[in-house]
N, C-alpha and C. Protein backbone atom coordinates (compact mmCIF):
# COMPACT_ATOMS: atom_id res chain seq x y z
N MET A 1 193.94 58.97 97.36
CA MET A 1 193.01 58.91 98.79
C MET A 1 193.95 59.77 99.88
N THR A 2 195.26 59.83 99.85
CA THR A 2 196.15 60.56 100.75
C THR A 2 195.79 61.94 100.50
N PRO A 3 195.73 62.64 99.28
CA PRO A 3 195.62 63.97 99.13
C PRO A 3 194.09 64.28 99.78
N ARG A 4 193.05 63.23 99.78
CA ARG A 4 191.78 63.62 100.03
C ARG A 4 191.82 63.65 101.62
N LEU A 5 192.75 62.88 102.20
CA LEU A 5 192.68 62.85 103.64
C LEU A 5 193.62 63.90 104.30
N LEU A 6 194.70 64.27 103.68
CA LEU A 6 195.81 64.93 104.38
C LEU A 6 196.02 66.38 103.88
N SER A 7 195.15 66.86 102.67
CA SER A 7 195.30 68.08 102.37
C SER A 7 195.09 69.26 103.39
N ASN A 8 195.53 70.28 103.44
CA ASN A 8 195.13 71.58 104.24
C ASN A 8 194.33 72.23 103.58
N HIS A 9 193.06 72.42 104.02
CA HIS A 9 191.93 73.12 103.56
C HIS A 9 191.97 74.45 104.43
N SER A 10 192.85 75.34 104.24
CA SER A 10 193.07 76.66 104.95
C SER A 10 192.07 77.40 104.16
N ALA A 11 191.99 78.86 104.54
CA ALA A 11 191.42 79.95 104.07
C ALA A 11 192.07 80.22 102.53
N GLU A 12 193.55 80.15 102.52
CA GLU A 12 194.04 80.51 101.20
C GLU A 12 193.87 79.33 100.14
N HIS A 13 193.72 77.95 100.77
CA HIS A 13 193.37 76.92 99.73
C HIS A 13 192.13 75.98 100.16
N PRO A 14 191.08 76.44 99.96
CA PRO A 14 189.81 75.81 100.63
C PRO A 14 189.63 74.56 99.82
N GLU A 15 190.10 74.42 98.59
CA GLU A 15 190.13 73.15 97.97
C GLU A 15 191.01 72.08 98.49
N GLY A 16 192.00 72.44 99.10
CA GLY A 16 192.97 71.64 99.69
C GLY A 16 194.34 71.80 99.14
N ILE A 17 195.22 71.84 99.82
CA ILE A 17 196.56 71.51 99.15
C ILE A 17 197.48 70.67 99.90
N LEU A 18 198.37 70.10 99.25
CA LEU A 18 199.14 68.84 100.06
C LEU A 18 200.53 68.93 99.57
N GLY A 19 201.47 69.54 100.23
CA GLY A 19 202.80 69.81 99.96
C GLY A 19 203.68 68.67 100.62
N HIS A 20 204.99 68.92 100.36
CA HIS A 20 206.04 68.05 101.03
C HIS A 20 206.07 68.20 102.38
N ASP A 21 205.90 69.39 103.03
CA ASP A 21 206.04 69.80 104.49
C ASP A 21 205.07 69.13 105.26
N ILE A 22 203.72 69.21 104.51
CA ILE A 22 202.56 68.43 105.33
C ILE A 22 202.75 67.18 105.51
N LEU A 23 203.05 66.42 104.13
CA LEU A 23 203.43 65.02 104.42
C LEU A 23 204.28 64.46 105.35
N LYS A 24 205.36 65.26 105.42
CA LYS A 24 206.70 65.07 106.11
C LYS A 24 206.19 65.14 107.52
N SER A 25 205.31 66.24 108.09
CA SER A 25 204.88 66.36 109.43
C SER A 25 204.08 65.22 109.81
N PHE A 26 203.14 64.79 108.88
CA PHE A 26 202.24 63.57 109.41
C PHE A 26 203.03 62.22 109.59
N TYR A 27 203.87 62.17 108.69
CA TYR A 27 204.93 60.88 108.69
C TYR A 27 206.04 60.93 109.78
N GLY A 28 206.34 62.03 110.19
CA GLY A 28 207.67 62.25 111.03
C GLY A 28 208.82 62.32 110.33
N VAL A 29 208.92 62.85 109.18
CA VAL A 29 209.93 62.83 108.26
C VAL A 29 210.57 64.06 108.30
N THR A 30 211.87 64.19 108.37
CA THR A 30 212.58 65.45 108.18
C THR A 30 213.61 65.40 107.03
N GLY A 31 214.15 66.59 106.85
CA GLY A 31 215.27 66.76 105.89
C GLY A 31 214.63 67.13 104.16
N ASP A 32 215.48 67.18 103.37
CA ASP A 32 215.09 67.59 102.14
C ASP A 32 214.95 66.50 101.27
N SER A 33 214.47 66.68 100.11
CA SER A 33 214.33 65.43 99.06
C SER A 33 215.34 64.50 98.96
N SER A 34 216.46 65.02 99.04
CA SER A 34 217.77 64.25 98.62
C SER A 34 218.41 63.52 99.96
N SER A 35 217.69 63.70 101.32
CA SER A 35 218.20 63.06 102.52
C SER A 35 217.11 63.12 103.61
N LEU A 36 215.90 62.50 103.12
CA LEU A 36 214.91 62.31 104.07
C LEU A 36 215.16 61.44 105.25
N THR A 37 214.67 61.54 106.58
CA THR A 37 215.01 60.81 107.58
C THR A 37 213.64 60.71 108.56
N TYR A 38 213.27 59.26 108.74
CA TYR A 38 212.14 59.05 109.48
C TYR A 38 212.56 59.33 111.06
N GLN A 39 211.68 60.00 111.62
CA GLN A 39 211.92 60.48 113.21
C GLN A 39 210.79 59.83 113.93
N PRO A 40 211.10 58.48 114.45
CA PRO A 40 209.91 57.64 115.09
C PRO A 40 209.39 58.64 116.29
N GLY A 41 208.12 58.54 116.29
CA GLY A 41 207.35 59.49 117.62
C GLY A 41 207.11 60.71 117.06
N HIS A 42 207.69 61.34 116.09
CA HIS A 42 207.42 62.58 115.77
C HIS A 42 206.48 62.88 114.87
N GLU A 43 205.58 61.94 114.58
CA GLU A 43 204.33 62.00 113.62
C GLU A 43 203.40 63.06 114.37
N ARG A 44 203.01 64.07 113.56
CA ARG A 44 202.05 65.07 114.12
C ARG A 44 201.20 65.72 113.10
N ILE A 45 200.16 66.16 113.54
CA ILE A 45 199.37 67.18 112.51
C ILE A 45 200.24 68.46 112.50
N PRO A 46 200.41 68.88 111.23
CA PRO A 46 201.30 69.92 110.93
C PRO A 46 200.42 71.44 111.68
N GLU A 47 201.36 72.22 111.83
CA GLU A 47 200.69 73.43 112.41
C GLU A 47 199.95 74.34 111.60
N ASN A 48 198.89 74.89 111.87
CA ASN A 48 198.01 75.69 110.86
C ASN A 48 197.35 74.82 109.71
N TRP A 49 197.03 73.58 110.20
CA TRP A 49 196.69 72.77 109.21
C TRP A 49 195.05 72.62 109.56
N TYR A 50 194.27 72.68 108.49
CA TYR A 50 192.80 72.79 108.64
C TYR A 50 192.10 71.44 108.04
N ARG A 51 191.39 70.64 108.53
CA ARG A 51 190.48 69.56 108.12
C ARG A 51 189.80 69.94 106.98
N ARG A 52 189.60 68.70 106.12
CA ARG A 52 188.45 69.12 104.87
C ARG A 52 187.04 69.54 105.51
N PRO A 53 186.24 70.20 104.76
CA PRO A 53 184.97 70.82 105.06
C PRO A 53 183.98 69.86 105.17
N ASP A 54 184.02 68.75 104.45
CA ASP A 54 183.08 67.72 104.47
C ASP A 54 183.66 66.47 105.09
N ASP A 55 182.88 65.48 105.43
CA ASP A 55 183.54 64.06 105.75
C ASP A 55 183.83 63.35 104.42
N TYR A 56 184.95 62.50 104.80
CA TYR A 56 185.51 61.66 103.94
C TYR A 56 185.11 60.35 104.53
N ASP A 57 183.73 59.97 104.07
CA ASP A 57 182.93 58.88 104.56
C ASP A 57 183.35 57.65 103.68
N ILE A 58 182.55 56.52 104.07
CA ILE A 58 182.73 55.23 103.33
C ILE A 58 182.17 55.31 102.13
N PRO A 59 181.25 55.74 101.43
CA PRO A 59 180.83 55.95 100.21
C PRO A 59 181.81 56.71 99.42
N ALA A 60 182.58 57.76 99.97
CA ALA A 60 183.35 58.52 99.04
C ALA A 60 184.72 57.76 99.04
N ILE A 61 184.94 57.03 100.10
CA ILE A 61 186.41 56.12 99.96
C ILE A 61 186.04 55.05 99.12
N SER A 62 184.74 54.49 98.99
CA SER A 62 184.50 53.32 98.14
C SER A 62 184.46 53.79 96.69
N LEU A 63 184.17 55.22 96.13
CA LEU A 63 184.30 55.73 94.98
C LEU A 63 185.89 55.81 94.76
N ASP A 64 186.67 56.08 95.73
CA ASP A 64 188.09 56.58 95.42
C ASP A 64 188.57 55.09 95.25
N PHE A 65 188.26 54.15 95.85
CA PHE A 65 188.87 52.65 95.73
C PHE A 65 188.54 52.15 94.53
N ASP A 66 187.42 52.34 93.96
CA ASP A 66 186.79 51.86 92.63
C ASP A 66 187.65 52.62 91.43
N LYS A 67 187.75 53.76 91.70
CA LYS A 67 188.64 54.76 90.73
C LYS A 67 189.93 54.04 90.55
N LEU A 68 190.44 53.95 91.59
CA LEU A 68 192.00 53.55 91.76
C LEU A 68 192.22 52.16 91.18
N ALA A 69 191.17 51.22 91.64
CA ALA A 69 191.25 49.93 91.20
C ALA A 69 191.40 49.76 89.81
N ILE A 70 190.43 50.74 88.89
CA ILE A 70 190.44 50.57 87.47
C ILE A 70 191.62 51.29 86.94
N GLU A 71 191.95 52.32 87.54
CA GLU A 71 193.19 53.07 87.14
C GLU A 71 194.65 52.23 87.15
N HIS A 72 194.73 51.71 88.14
CA HIS A 72 195.90 51.04 88.62
C HIS A 72 195.37 49.54 89.25
N PRO A 73 195.16 48.72 88.51
CA PRO A 73 194.80 47.52 89.08
C PRO A 73 195.92 46.52 89.70
N GLU A 74 197.27 47.07 89.44
CA GLU A 74 198.39 46.37 90.03
C GLU A 74 198.44 46.75 91.46
N PHE A 75 197.99 47.85 91.95
CA PHE A 75 197.67 48.11 93.40
C PHE A 75 196.96 47.17 94.27
N PHE A 76 196.18 46.61 93.55
CA PHE A 76 195.25 45.57 94.04
C PHE A 76 195.61 44.16 93.69
N SER A 77 196.88 43.81 93.66
CA SER A 77 197.35 42.54 93.50
C SER A 77 197.52 42.00 94.89
N PHE A 78 196.72 41.23 95.58
CA PHE A 78 196.95 40.64 96.77
C PHE A 78 197.78 39.45 96.74
N GLY A 79 198.69 39.43 97.69
CA GLY A 79 199.71 38.49 97.77
C GLY A 79 201.01 38.80 98.55
N GLY A 80 201.98 38.11 98.19
CA GLY A 80 203.33 38.50 98.80
C GLY A 80 204.45 37.73 98.33
N ASN A 81 205.68 38.16 98.82
CA ASN A 81 206.89 37.57 98.45
C ASN A 81 207.08 36.25 99.17
N THR A 82 207.50 35.31 98.63
CA THR A 82 207.63 33.86 99.24
C THR A 82 208.95 33.63 99.73
N GLY A 83 209.71 34.53 100.00
CA GLY A 83 210.96 34.51 100.78
C GLY A 83 212.35 34.83 99.60
N LYS A 84 212.06 34.87 98.46
CA LYS A 84 213.16 34.90 97.44
C LYS A 84 213.00 36.24 96.65
N THR A 85 213.96 36.66 96.18
CA THR A 85 213.76 38.05 95.30
C THR A 85 212.86 37.71 94.22
N ASN A 86 212.01 38.64 93.87
CA ASN A 86 211.06 38.57 92.77
C ASN A 86 210.28 37.44 92.82
N SER A 87 209.65 36.92 94.08
CA SER A 87 208.93 35.71 94.15
C SER A 87 207.53 36.03 94.56
N PHE A 88 207.03 37.27 93.95
CA PHE A 88 205.59 37.44 94.39
C PHE A 88 204.63 36.26 93.88
N ALA A 89 203.84 36.01 94.94
CA ALA A 89 202.79 34.94 94.49
C ALA A 89 201.47 35.64 95.18
N GLY A 90 200.54 35.59 94.32
CA GLY A 90 199.31 36.21 94.40
C GLY A 90 198.33 35.07 95.39
N ALA A 91 197.55 35.84 96.19
CA ALA A 91 196.79 35.06 97.24
C ALA A 91 195.40 34.99 96.71
N ASN A 92 194.71 33.79 96.85
CA ASN A 92 193.60 33.50 96.49
C ASN A 92 192.52 34.09 97.39
N ILE A 93 191.88 34.98 96.94
CA ILE A 93 190.88 35.80 97.81
C ILE A 93 189.71 34.82 98.01
N GLU A 94 189.20 33.93 97.24
CA GLU A 94 188.44 33.00 97.56
C GLU A 94 188.72 32.27 98.62
N ASP A 95 190.09 31.65 98.75
CA ASP A 95 190.37 30.95 99.95
C ASP A 95 190.57 31.63 101.11
N LEU A 96 190.87 33.04 101.14
CA LEU A 96 191.08 33.82 102.42
C LEU A 96 189.76 34.07 102.85
N THR A 97 188.60 34.21 102.15
CA THR A 97 187.38 34.60 102.57
C THR A 97 186.28 33.53 102.72
N GLY A 98 186.68 32.22 102.66
CA GLY A 98 186.06 31.07 102.80
C GLY A 98 184.83 31.16 101.45
N GLY A 99 185.25 31.64 100.51
CA GLY A 99 184.28 31.77 99.16
C GLY A 99 183.31 32.99 99.40
N VAL A 100 183.38 33.83 100.18
CA VAL A 100 182.47 35.10 100.20
C VAL A 100 182.68 35.92 99.30
N TYR A 101 184.24 36.09 98.95
CA TYR A 101 184.53 37.04 97.84
C TYR A 101 185.47 36.39 96.84
N ASN A 102 185.35 36.79 95.72
CA ASN A 102 186.40 36.22 94.81
C ASN A 102 187.20 37.24 93.82
N ALA A 103 188.28 37.16 93.30
CA ALA A 103 188.88 38.10 92.36
C ALA A 103 187.85 38.57 91.18
N LYS A 104 187.15 37.75 90.60
CA LYS A 104 186.45 37.98 89.19
C LYS A 104 185.42 39.16 89.66
N ASP A 105 184.80 39.14 90.99
CA ASP A 105 184.02 39.95 91.22
C ASP A 105 184.22 41.36 92.15
N LEU A 106 185.49 41.32 92.31
CA LEU A 106 186.08 42.29 93.18
C LEU A 106 185.88 43.77 92.87
N LEU A 107 185.72 43.86 91.68
CA LEU A 107 185.65 45.34 91.04
C LEU A 107 184.18 45.52 90.78
N LYS A 108 183.28 44.63 91.18
CA LYS A 108 181.80 44.95 90.71
C LYS A 108 181.06 45.72 92.12
N GLY A 109 180.46 46.95 91.65
CA GLY A 109 179.52 47.32 92.78
C GLY A 109 180.56 47.76 93.97
N LYS A 110 180.14 47.64 95.01
CA LYS A 110 180.97 47.91 96.30
C LYS A 110 181.64 46.73 96.90
N THR A 111 182.02 45.78 96.17
CA THR A 111 182.64 44.60 96.64
C THR A 111 184.02 44.73 97.08
N LEU A 112 184.67 45.78 96.47
CA LEU A 112 186.12 46.01 96.74
C LEU A 112 186.19 46.57 98.06
N ILE A 113 185.32 47.62 98.22
CA ILE A 113 185.33 48.25 99.63
C ILE A 113 184.83 47.38 100.76
N CYS A 114 183.86 46.61 100.46
CA CYS A 114 183.33 45.62 101.47
C CYS A 114 184.62 44.72 101.86
N PHE A 115 185.26 44.10 100.87
CA PHE A 115 186.27 43.25 101.09
C PHE A 115 187.57 43.97 101.82
N ALA A 116 187.79 45.03 101.38
CA ALA A 116 188.87 45.96 102.05
C ALA A 116 188.64 46.29 103.42
N LEU A 117 187.48 46.71 103.62
CA LEU A 117 187.22 46.95 105.18
C LEU A 117 187.24 45.52 106.08
N GLN A 118 186.73 44.54 105.49
CA GLN A 118 186.56 43.41 106.42
C GLN A 118 187.92 42.61 106.47
N ALA A 119 188.82 42.82 105.29
CA ALA A 119 190.13 42.16 105.55
C ALA A 119 191.04 43.04 106.44
N SER A 120 190.81 44.30 106.53
CA SER A 120 191.55 45.16 107.42
C SER A 120 191.42 44.63 108.91
N GLN A 121 190.21 44.20 109.21
CA GLN A 121 190.11 43.78 110.45
C GLN A 121 190.70 42.54 110.83
N ALA A 122 190.92 41.87 109.99
CA ALA A 122 191.69 40.44 110.22
C ALA A 122 193.24 40.72 110.97
N GLY A 123 193.80 41.85 110.60
CA GLY A 123 195.10 41.97 111.21
C GLY A 123 194.90 42.73 112.43
N MET A 124 193.95 43.15 112.88
CA MET A 124 193.89 43.87 114.21
C MET A 124 193.92 43.02 115.46
N ALA A 125 194.59 43.76 116.71
CA ALA A 125 194.52 43.17 117.82
C ALA A 125 193.14 43.07 118.34
N ALA A 126 192.72 41.95 119.07
CA ALA A 126 191.42 41.65 119.36
C ALA A 126 190.54 43.04 120.18
N PRO A 127 191.16 43.77 120.75
CA PRO A 127 190.37 44.89 121.27
C PRO A 127 189.88 45.90 120.11
N ALA A 128 190.96 46.19 119.38
CA ALA A 128 190.59 47.04 118.05
C ALA A 128 189.61 46.37 117.19
N SER A 129 189.81 45.10 116.95
CA SER A 129 188.88 44.39 115.90
C SER A 129 187.65 44.38 116.47
N LYS A 130 187.39 44.17 117.87
CA LYS A 130 185.77 44.34 118.39
C LYS A 130 185.37 45.76 118.24
N LEU A 131 186.10 46.69 118.53
CA LEU A 131 185.64 48.09 118.15
C LEU A 131 185.39 48.42 116.87
N PHE A 132 186.25 47.95 115.80
CA PHE A 132 186.06 48.05 114.45
C PHE A 132 184.83 47.20 114.17
N ALA A 133 184.40 46.21 114.52
CA ALA A 133 183.24 45.37 114.31
C ALA A 133 182.15 46.28 114.79
N GLU A 134 182.06 46.77 115.86
CA GLU A 134 180.94 47.47 116.50
C GLU A 134 180.52 48.65 115.64
N LYS A 135 181.71 49.46 115.11
CA LYS A 135 181.52 50.64 114.40
C LYS A 135 181.10 50.58 112.97
N VAL A 136 181.83 49.53 112.22
CA VAL A 136 181.90 49.35 110.82
C VAL A 136 180.77 48.26 110.39
N ALA A 137 180.43 47.26 111.08
CA ALA A 137 179.74 46.25 110.77
C ALA A 137 178.11 46.69 110.32
N PRO A 138 177.67 47.79 111.18
CA PRO A 138 176.50 48.47 110.81
C PRO A 138 176.39 49.14 109.33
N VAL A 139 177.78 49.70 108.92
CA VAL A 139 177.87 50.46 107.74
C VAL A 139 178.05 49.30 106.62
N LEU A 140 178.58 48.36 106.82
CA LEU A 140 178.73 47.17 105.80
C LEU A 140 177.48 46.65 105.65
N SER A 141 176.75 46.44 106.65
CA SER A 141 175.19 45.92 106.37
C SER A 141 174.52 46.64 105.68
N SER A 142 174.35 47.96 105.80
CA SER A 142 173.76 48.79 105.10
C SER A 142 174.19 49.00 103.77
N MET A 143 175.20 48.76 103.60
CA MET A 143 175.74 48.78 101.96
C MET A 143 175.55 47.40 101.25
N GLY A 144 174.96 46.70 102.16
CA GLY A 144 174.68 45.24 101.37
C GLY A 144 175.92 44.38 101.35
N CYS A 145 176.88 44.58 102.06
CA CYS A 145 178.04 43.81 101.88
C CYS A 145 177.93 42.36 102.32
N PRO A 146 178.51 41.35 101.61
CA PRO A 146 178.60 39.98 102.10
C PRO A 146 179.60 39.89 103.44
N MET A 147 178.91 39.33 104.36
CA MET A 147 179.72 39.36 105.66
C MET A 147 180.78 38.24 105.67
N LEU A 148 181.92 38.23 105.95
CA LEU A 148 182.82 37.35 106.36
C LEU A 148 182.60 36.78 107.65
N LYS A 149 182.51 35.28 107.70
CA LYS A 149 182.18 34.58 108.97
C LYS A 149 183.67 34.51 109.72
N GLN A 150 184.50 34.24 109.00
CA GLN A 150 186.01 34.14 109.50
C GLN A 150 186.83 34.51 108.17
N TYR A 151 188.09 34.67 108.55
CA TYR A 151 189.06 34.91 107.78
C TYR A 151 190.08 34.11 107.79
N ASN A 152 190.39 33.36 106.62
CA ASN A 152 191.54 31.98 106.60
C ASN A 152 192.84 32.42 106.54
N ALA A 153 193.32 32.87 107.71
CA ALA A 153 194.75 33.05 107.76
C ALA A 153 195.68 32.04 107.25
N THR A 154 195.39 30.85 107.33
CA THR A 154 196.19 29.72 106.90
C THR A 154 196.54 29.81 105.47
N ALA A 155 195.72 30.38 104.60
CA ALA A 155 195.86 30.61 103.22
C ALA A 155 197.02 31.59 103.03
N LEU A 156 197.50 32.37 104.07
CA LEU A 156 198.71 33.00 103.96
C LEU A 156 199.92 32.32 104.22
N GLY A 157 199.90 31.08 104.59
CA GLY A 157 201.10 30.47 105.11
C GLY A 157 202.33 30.19 104.05
N ILE A 158 202.11 30.58 102.86
CA ILE A 158 203.19 30.47 101.74
C ILE A 158 204.11 31.56 101.89
N TYR A 159 203.69 32.55 102.68
CA TYR A 159 204.31 34.00 102.97
C TYR A 159 204.94 34.04 104.17
N PRO A 160 206.34 34.08 104.21
CA PRO A 160 207.30 34.30 105.26
C PRO A 160 206.67 35.35 106.35
N GLY A 161 206.60 35.24 107.47
CA GLY A 161 206.10 36.39 108.33
C GLY A 161 204.67 36.60 108.42
N ALA A 162 204.08 36.03 107.60
CA ALA A 162 202.44 36.21 107.72
C ALA A 162 201.84 35.68 108.85
């Protein structure tokens, strides 16, 4: 997904190219491969960077999520560290979503992108969450996504800092 979003689609590379310098610019990182340094506040769009010629919309993102989940299911292990080294514990998606979503069905159809979009809203500050809801709710509805009524944050209580 990162290459699709951040590649430079210049006249020389209309298909897009994503090199170290482009990534470092977006993320505010300087230095060579052996001594990278993050420079807070220096994140920027690289000079002479050109956006992709088409939109990277929710259906395209959904296809990428599905492909990624099939190729690397470990990326979609929801949960966290419980306070000790090597103490990963999976989160119960059904508990988090009040039964709207479950792990068994997550890779069926558009379920993963529906869940991901709605779960991302749970961690947002109220103004951003409201804006997100106004813009994304119609898309979720048009995709036939089951809608979360509430996100059960107490289910994350076993993870320090959650």
